[in-house]
Amino acid sequence: MRFLLAHIRQRTAPTPLFLLLSAAALIALDITQVDARHYVESQRDLFLAINGALAAHPFFWLNVTQLGDALVLFPLLSFLLFKSPRAWAALFATAPIAGIFSSLAKSHFAVPRPAAVLTPDQIAIAGPVLTAHNSLPSGHTITIFAGLSAVSCVMAFGGWGRRIRNCILFMAALGFVVGLSRVAVGAHWPGDVLLGAALGIIAGLGGATLACRYTRWWAWMTSPKSCHIHATVLAIFCGALLIEGKRLDLPMVQLAIAAGIISAISIIAVRRT
């Protein structure tokens, strides 16, 4: 943490930290072998305790967990188009890194989801019933920690001063709640969330590095001519939410669609004036 804060105070992207953590994560992934049965058994009681304790409010957790879906998170953060194009660019730079981490880890560990090993009377499920053997790590947790880490770092590099620590604390708290929601809805084991958070933070540092150290690839975003591209991208996100059959009855999904539409219209109006 001190190493990261030192970079932030100097307003330089944490390239060495990102490369070091990425190398460590890939090496650990290569040499680590997880016994899926032992992994599940070691967390069964903790999972059942958390899942059972939070089962009384399924609608709340089902909404919160949507923040770990990139199709929802990106439109909700689309205000960054106006506040910080660099942070918006960092989100897009982070996405493929997070996707690679998630795909590699899920296929490597092949841990069954809770619903694949627990009976319906043991587990409280909100949303779809997931039974595949791709539980470790939690993709939703990777997404939320990656996105918030990237945005927080970029904002910090912009000179938030004392607000750096508050920014990091807010990111950690929100990420924790979203990660907790994955256990609450019956989709992941607690260990899945912890690994997802770690990989998400590394991915976020990578996205921040690409956005802060290398500007040519996203400089076009500040041009007035780019407004139609931004609007099209947001329209694609909103359209995907509708086409993929997301829970349109959930306020969080509705808010994401509304935010995307408002930002798309606003960016065109502002850039034309």
Protein backbone atom coordinates (compact mmCIF):
# COMPACT_ATOMS: atom_id res chain seq x y z
CA MET A 1 0.00 0.00 0.00
CA ARG A 2 2.81 2.44 0.87
CA PHE A 3 4.48 1.68 -2.46
CA LEU A 4 1.26 2.46 -4.32
CA LEU A 5 0.65 5.66 -2.35
CA ALA A 6 4.21 6.80 -3.07
CA HIS A 7 3.55 6.46 -6.80
CA ILE A 8 0.26 8.29 -6.46
CA ARG A 9 1.83 11.20 -4.61
CA GLN A 10 4.39 11.47 -7.41
CA ARG A 11 1.54 11.24 -9.93
CA THR A 12 3.21 8.44 -11.83
CA ALA A 13 1.51 5.27 -12.99
CA PRO A 14 2.33 2.19 -10.86
CA THR A 15 3.97 0.26 -13.72
CA PRO A 16 6.56 -1.62 -11.60
CA LEU A 17 3.90 -2.63 -9.08
CA PHE A 18 1.52 -3.81 -11.79
CA LEU A 19 4.21 -5.85 -13.55
CA LEU A 20 5.42 -7.37 -10.29
CA LEU A 21 1.94 -8.35 -9.11
CA SER A 22 0.96 -9.64 -12.55
CA ALA A 23 4.06 -11.81 -12.75
CA ALA A 24 3.43 -13.12 -9.24
CA ALA A 25 -0.21 -13.89 -10.08
CA LEU A 26 0.67 -15.76 -13.27
CA ILE A 27 3.43 -17.74 -11.57
CA ALA A 28 1.12 -18.62 -8.69
CA LEU A 29 -1.56 -19.66 -11.16
CA ASP A 30 0.93 -21.89 -12.97
CA ILE A 31 2.25 -23.70 -9.89
CA THR A 32 -0.88 -23.75 -7.73
CA GLN A 33 -3.04 -26.82 -7.81
CA VAL A 34 -6.34 -26.64 -5.97
CA ASP A 35 -8.10 -29.79 -4.89
CA ALA A 36 -11.65 -28.79 -5.79
CA ARG A 37 -13.20 -31.18 -3.29
CA HIS A 38 -11.04 -29.99 -0.40
CA TYR A 39 -11.56 -26.35 -1.44
CA VAL A 40 -15.33 -26.77 -1.35
CA GLU A 41 -15.37 -28.70 1.92
CA SER A 42 -13.13 -26.16 3.66
CA GLN A 43 -15.57 -23.34 2.89
CA ARG A 44 -18.90 -25.11 3.06
CA ASP A 45 -19.73 -24.02 6.62
CA LEU A 46 -18.63 -20.41 6.09
CA PHE A 47 -20.58 -20.20 2.85
CA LEU A 48 -23.74 -21.59 4.43
CA ALA A 49 -23.42 -19.19 7.37
CA ILE A 50 -23.03 -16.09 5.16
CA ASN A 51 -25.56 -17.20 2.57
CA GLY A 52 -28.12 -18.07 5.24
CA ALA A 53 -27.59 -14.83 7.18
CA LEU A 54 -28.12 -12.68 4.09
CA ALA A 55 -30.95 -14.70 2.54
CA ALA A 56 -33.64 -12.46 4.04
CA HIS A 57 -33.01 -9.68 1.51
CA PRO A 58 -32.59 -11.36 -1.90
CA PHE A 59 -33.86 -8.37 -3.92
CA PHE A 60 -31.26 -6.05 -2.39
CA TRP A 61 -28.36 -8.43 -3.03
CA LEU A 62 -29.57 -9.20 -6.52
CA ASN A 63 -29.40 -5.47 -7.29
CA VAL A 64 -26.00 -4.99 -5.68
CA THR A 65 -24.48 -7.92 -7.52
CA GLN A 66 -25.33 -6.27 -10.86
CA LEU A 67 -22.49 -3.82 -10.23
CA GLY A 68 -20.10 -6.67 -10.97
CA ASP A 69 -21.48 -6.93 -14.51
CA ALA A 70 -19.48 -4.80 -16.96
CA LEU A 71 -22.62 -4.12 -18.99
CA VAL A 72 -24.10 -2.43 -15.92
CA LEU A 73 -20.95 -0.89 -14.43
CA PHE A 74 -19.75 0.92 -17.55
CA PRO A 75 -22.97 2.89 -18.19
CA LEU A 76 -23.17 3.79 -14.50
CA LEU A 77 -19.65 5.23 -14.70
CA SER A 78 -20.27 7.00 -18.00
CA PHE A 79 -20.20 10.37 -16.21
CA LEU A 80 -16.43 9.95 -16.41
CA LEU A 81 -16.73 11.06 -20.03
CA PHE A 82 -17.23 14.56 -18.65
CA LYS A 83 -15.21 14.33 -15.43
CA SER A 84 -12.13 12.47 -16.61
CA PRO A 85 -11.66 10.99 -20.11
CA ARG A 86 -8.45 9.42 -18.80
CA ALA A 87 -10.43 7.44 -16.20
CA TRP A 88 -12.92 6.39 -18.88
CA ALA A 89 -10.01 5.19 -21.00
CA ALA A 90 -8.60 3.31 -18.00
CA LEU A 91 -11.85 1.36 -17.70
CA PHE A 92 -11.56 0.11 -21.26
CA ALA A 93 -7.87 -0.68 -20.81
CA THR A 94 -8.69 -2.64 -17.68
CA ALA A 95 -11.43 -4.77 -19.24
CA PRO A 96 -9.24 -7.12 -21.36
CA ILE A 97 -6.72 -7.56 -18.53
CA ALA A 98 -9.50 -8.50 -16.11
CA GLY A 99 -11.05 -10.79 -18.72
CA ILE A 100 -7.78 -12.65 -19.26
CA PHE A 101 -7.19 -13.11 -15.54
CA SER A 102 -10.73 -14.38 -15.04
CA SER A 103 -10.68 -16.77 -17.99
CA LEU A 104 -7.28 -18.26 -17.16
CA ALA A 105 -8.04 -18.75 -13.47
CA LYS A 106 -11.52 -20.21 -13.97
CA SER A 107 -10.33 -22.78 -16.51
CA HIS A 108 -7.25 -23.61 -14.42
CA PHE A 109 -8.96 -24.24 -11.08
CA ALA A 110 -12.29 -25.65 -12.38
CA VAL A 111 -13.98 -25.43 -8.98
CA PRO A 112 -17.72 -26.28 -8.90
CA ARG A 113 -20.24 -23.61 -8.02
CA PRO A 114 -22.10 -23.90 -4.71
CA ALA A 115 -25.31 -24.93 -6.46
CA ALA A 116 -23.44 -27.79 -8.13
CA VAL A 117 -22.61 -29.48 -4.82
CA LEU A 118 -25.28 -28.29 -2.40
CA THR A 119 -28.91 -29.33 -2.38
CA PRO A 120 -31.67 -26.75 -2.99
CA ASP A 121 -32.76 -26.91 0.63
CA GLN A 122 -29.23 -25.98 1.82
CA ILE A 123 -28.64 -22.91 -0.30
CA ALA A 124 -30.54 -19.67 -0.88
CA ILE A 125 -30.29 -18.60 -4.51
CA ALA A 126 -31.30 -15.23 -5.93
CA GLY A 127 -31.18 -15.03 -9.69
CA PRO A 128 -30.05 -17.78 -12.06
CA VAL A 129 -28.96 -21.16 -10.74
CA LEU A 130 -25.28 -21.59 -11.67
CA THR A 131 -23.90 -25.13 -11.65
CA ALA A 132 -20.79 -24.93 -13.85
CA HIS A 133 -17.29 -25.78 -12.61
CA ASN A 134 -15.92 -22.24 -12.98
CA SER A 135 -16.46 -20.81 -9.52
CA LEU A 136 -12.89 -19.75 -8.70
CA PRO A 137 -12.39 -16.78 -8.97
CA SER A 138 -15.50 -14.59 -8.91
CA GLY A 139 -15.74 -12.74 -12.22
CA HIS A 140 -18.12 -10.14 -10.82
CA THR A 141 -15.68 -9.37 -8.02
CA ILE A 142 -12.83 -9.04 -10.51
CA THR A 143 -14.91 -6.60 -12.55
CA ILE A 144 -15.93 -4.31 -9.69
CA PHE A 145 -12.46 -4.19 -8.11
CA ALA A 146 -10.78 -3.73 -11.49
CA GLY A 147 -13.08 -0.88 -12.50
CA LEU A 148 -12.98 0.95 -9.18
CA SER A 149 -9.23 0.44 -8.80
CA ALA A 150 -8.56 1.87 -12.24
CA VAL A 151 -10.79 4.91 -11.71
CA SER A 152 -9.48 5.54 -8.19
CA CYS A 153 -5.87 5.40 -9.31
CA VAL A 154 -6.41 7.71 -12.27
CA MET A 155 -8.30 10.22 -10.13
CA ALA A 156 -5.54 10.05 -7.55
CA PHE A 157 -2.88 10.66 -10.19
CA GLY A 158 -4.87 13.79 -11.08
CA GLY A 159 -4.02 15.33 -7.73
CA TRP A 160 -6.78 14.58 -5.25
CA GLY A 161 -4.28 15.06 -2.44
CA ARG A 162 -5.63 13.95 0.93
CA ARG A 163 -8.69 12.47 -0.71
CA ILE A 164 -6.56 9.61 -2.07
CA ARG A 165 -7.03 7.53 1.07
CA ASN A 166 -10.78 8.19 1.20
CA CYS A 167 -11.04 7.22 -2.46
CA ILE A 168 -9.27 3.92 -1.84
CA LEU A 169 -11.39 3.20 1.25
CA PHE A 170 -14.61 3.87 -0.67
CA MET A 171 -13.46 1.61 -3.50
CA ALA A 172 -12.60 -1.17 -1.05
CA ALA A 173 -15.92 -0.86 0.80
CA LEU A 174 -18.05 -0.91 -2.36
CA GLY A 175 -16.02 -3.75 -3.82
CA PHE A 176 -16.41 -5.72 -0.60
CA VAL A 177 -20.20 -5.33 -0.65
CA VAL A 178 -20.42 -6.44 -4.28
CA GLY A 179 -18.14 -9.39 -3.55
CA LEU A 180 -20.27 -10.30 -0.54
CA SER A 181 -23.33 -10.22 -2.77
CA ARG A 182 -21.89 -13.10 -4.82
CA VAL A 183 -22.07 -15.30 -1.73
CA ALA A 184 -25.46 -13.88 -0.77
CA VAL A 185 -27.02 -14.83 -4.13
CA GLY A 186 -25.51 -18.32 -3.95
CA ALA A 187 -23.13 -17.92 -6.89
CA HIS A 188 -19.68 -18.17 -5.27
CA TRP A 189 -17.67 -19.48 -2.36
CA PRO A 190 -16.01 -16.90 -0.06
CA GLY A 191 -12.55 -17.83 -1.37
CA ASP A 192 -13.69 -17.02 -4.91
CA VAL A 193 -14.38 -13.46 -3.80
CA LEU A 194 -10.99 -13.00 -2.15
CA LEU A 195 -9.08 -14.15 -5.22
CA GLY A 196 -11.36 -12.10 -7.45
CA ALA A 197 -10.63 -8.97 -5.44
CA ALA A 198 -6.86 -9.53 -5.68
CA LEU A 199 -6.93 -10.13 -9.43
CA GLY A 200 -9.28 -7.19 -9.92
CA ILE A 201 -6.94 -4.78 -8.15
CA ILE A 202 -4.01 -5.96 -10.27
CA ALA A 203 -6.07 -5.52 -13.44
CA GLY A 204 -7.13 -2.04 -12.30
CA LEU A 205 -3.50 -1.03 -11.76
CA GLY A 206 -2.78 -2.24 -15.28
CA GLY A 207 -5.58 -0.18 -16.76
CA ALA A 208 -4.46 2.90 -14.84
CA THR A 209 -0.90 2.36 -16.07
CA LEU A 210 -1.98 2.18 -19.70
CA ALA A 211 -4.14 5.30 -19.36
CA CYS A 212 -1.61 7.39 -17.43
CA ARG A 213 1.66 6.44 -19.10
CA TYR A 214 0.42 6.09 -22.65
CA THR A 215 -1.98 8.75 -23.89
CA ARG A 216 -1.89 8.51 -27.67
CA TRP A 217 -4.26 5.57 -27.87
CA TRP A 218 -7.05 7.43 -26.06
CA ALA A 219 -6.26 11.09 -26.88
CA TRP A 220 -8.96 11.05 -29.54
CA MET A 221 -11.56 10.76 -26.77
CA THR A 222 -11.10 14.45 -25.96
CA SER A 223 -11.93 15.53 -29.50
CA PRO A 224 -15.40 16.97 -30.20
CA LYS A 225 -15.61 14.61 -33.17
CA SER A 226 -15.50 11.62 -30.83
CA CYS A 227 -18.92 12.33 -29.33
CA HIS A 228 -20.75 10.08 -31.79
CA ILE A 229 -18.36 7.21 -31.03
CA HIS A 230 -18.97 7.59 -27.30
CA ALA A 231 -22.71 7.72 -27.86
CA THR A 232 -22.56 4.60 -30.03
CA VAL A 233 -20.55 2.69 -27.43
CA LEU A 234 -23.04 3.59 -24.70
CA ALA A 235 -25.93 2.64 -26.97
CA ILE A 236 -24.29 -0.75 -27.50
CA PHE A 237 -24.02 -1.29 -23.75
CA CYS A 238 -27.66 -0.36 -23.24
CA GLY A 239 -28.75 -2.49 -26.18
CA ALA A 240 -26.78 -5.46 -24.85
CA LEU A 241 -28.57 -5.18 -21.51
CA LEU A 242 -31.87 -5.43 -23.35
CA ILE A 243 -30.87 -8.14 -25.83
CA GLU A 244 -29.17 -10.41 -23.28
CA GLY A 245 -32.36 -10.53 -21.25
CA LYS A 246 -31.02 -8.96 -18.09
CA ARG A 247 -33.41 -8.49 -15.20
CA LEU A 248 -35.07 -5.30 -16.43
CA ASP A 249 -37.24 -5.29 -13.31
CA LEU A 250 -34.17 -4.55 -11.20
CA PRO A 251 -33.64 -0.85 -10.36
CA MET A 252 -29.87 -1.20 -10.80
CA VAL A 253 -30.28 -2.39 -14.40
CA GLN A 254 -32.85 0.32 -15.09
CA LEU A 255 -30.48 2.91 -13.63
CA ALA A 256 -27.64 1.68 -15.82
CA ILE A 257 -29.75 1.96 -18.97
CA ALA A 258 -30.96 5.42 -17.98
CA ALA A 259 -27.41 6.58 -17.17
CA GLY A 260 -26.13 5.31 -20.49
CA ILE A 261 -28.87 7.02 -22.47
CA ILE A 262 -28.52 10.32 -20.59
CA SER A 263 -24.74 10.33 -21.01
CA ALA A 264 -24.99 9.49 -24.72
CA ILE A 265 -27.40 12.37 -25.34
CA SER A 266 -25.45 14.75 -23.11
CA ILE A 267 -22.06 14.07 -24.69
CA ILE A 268 -23.45 14.91 -28.13
CA ALA A 269 -25.17 18.05 -26.88
CA VAL A 270 -22.13 19.28 -24.96
CA ARG A 271 -19.63 18.64 -27.74
CA ARG A 272 -21.84 20.42 -30.29
CA THR A 273 -22.03 23.63 -28.26
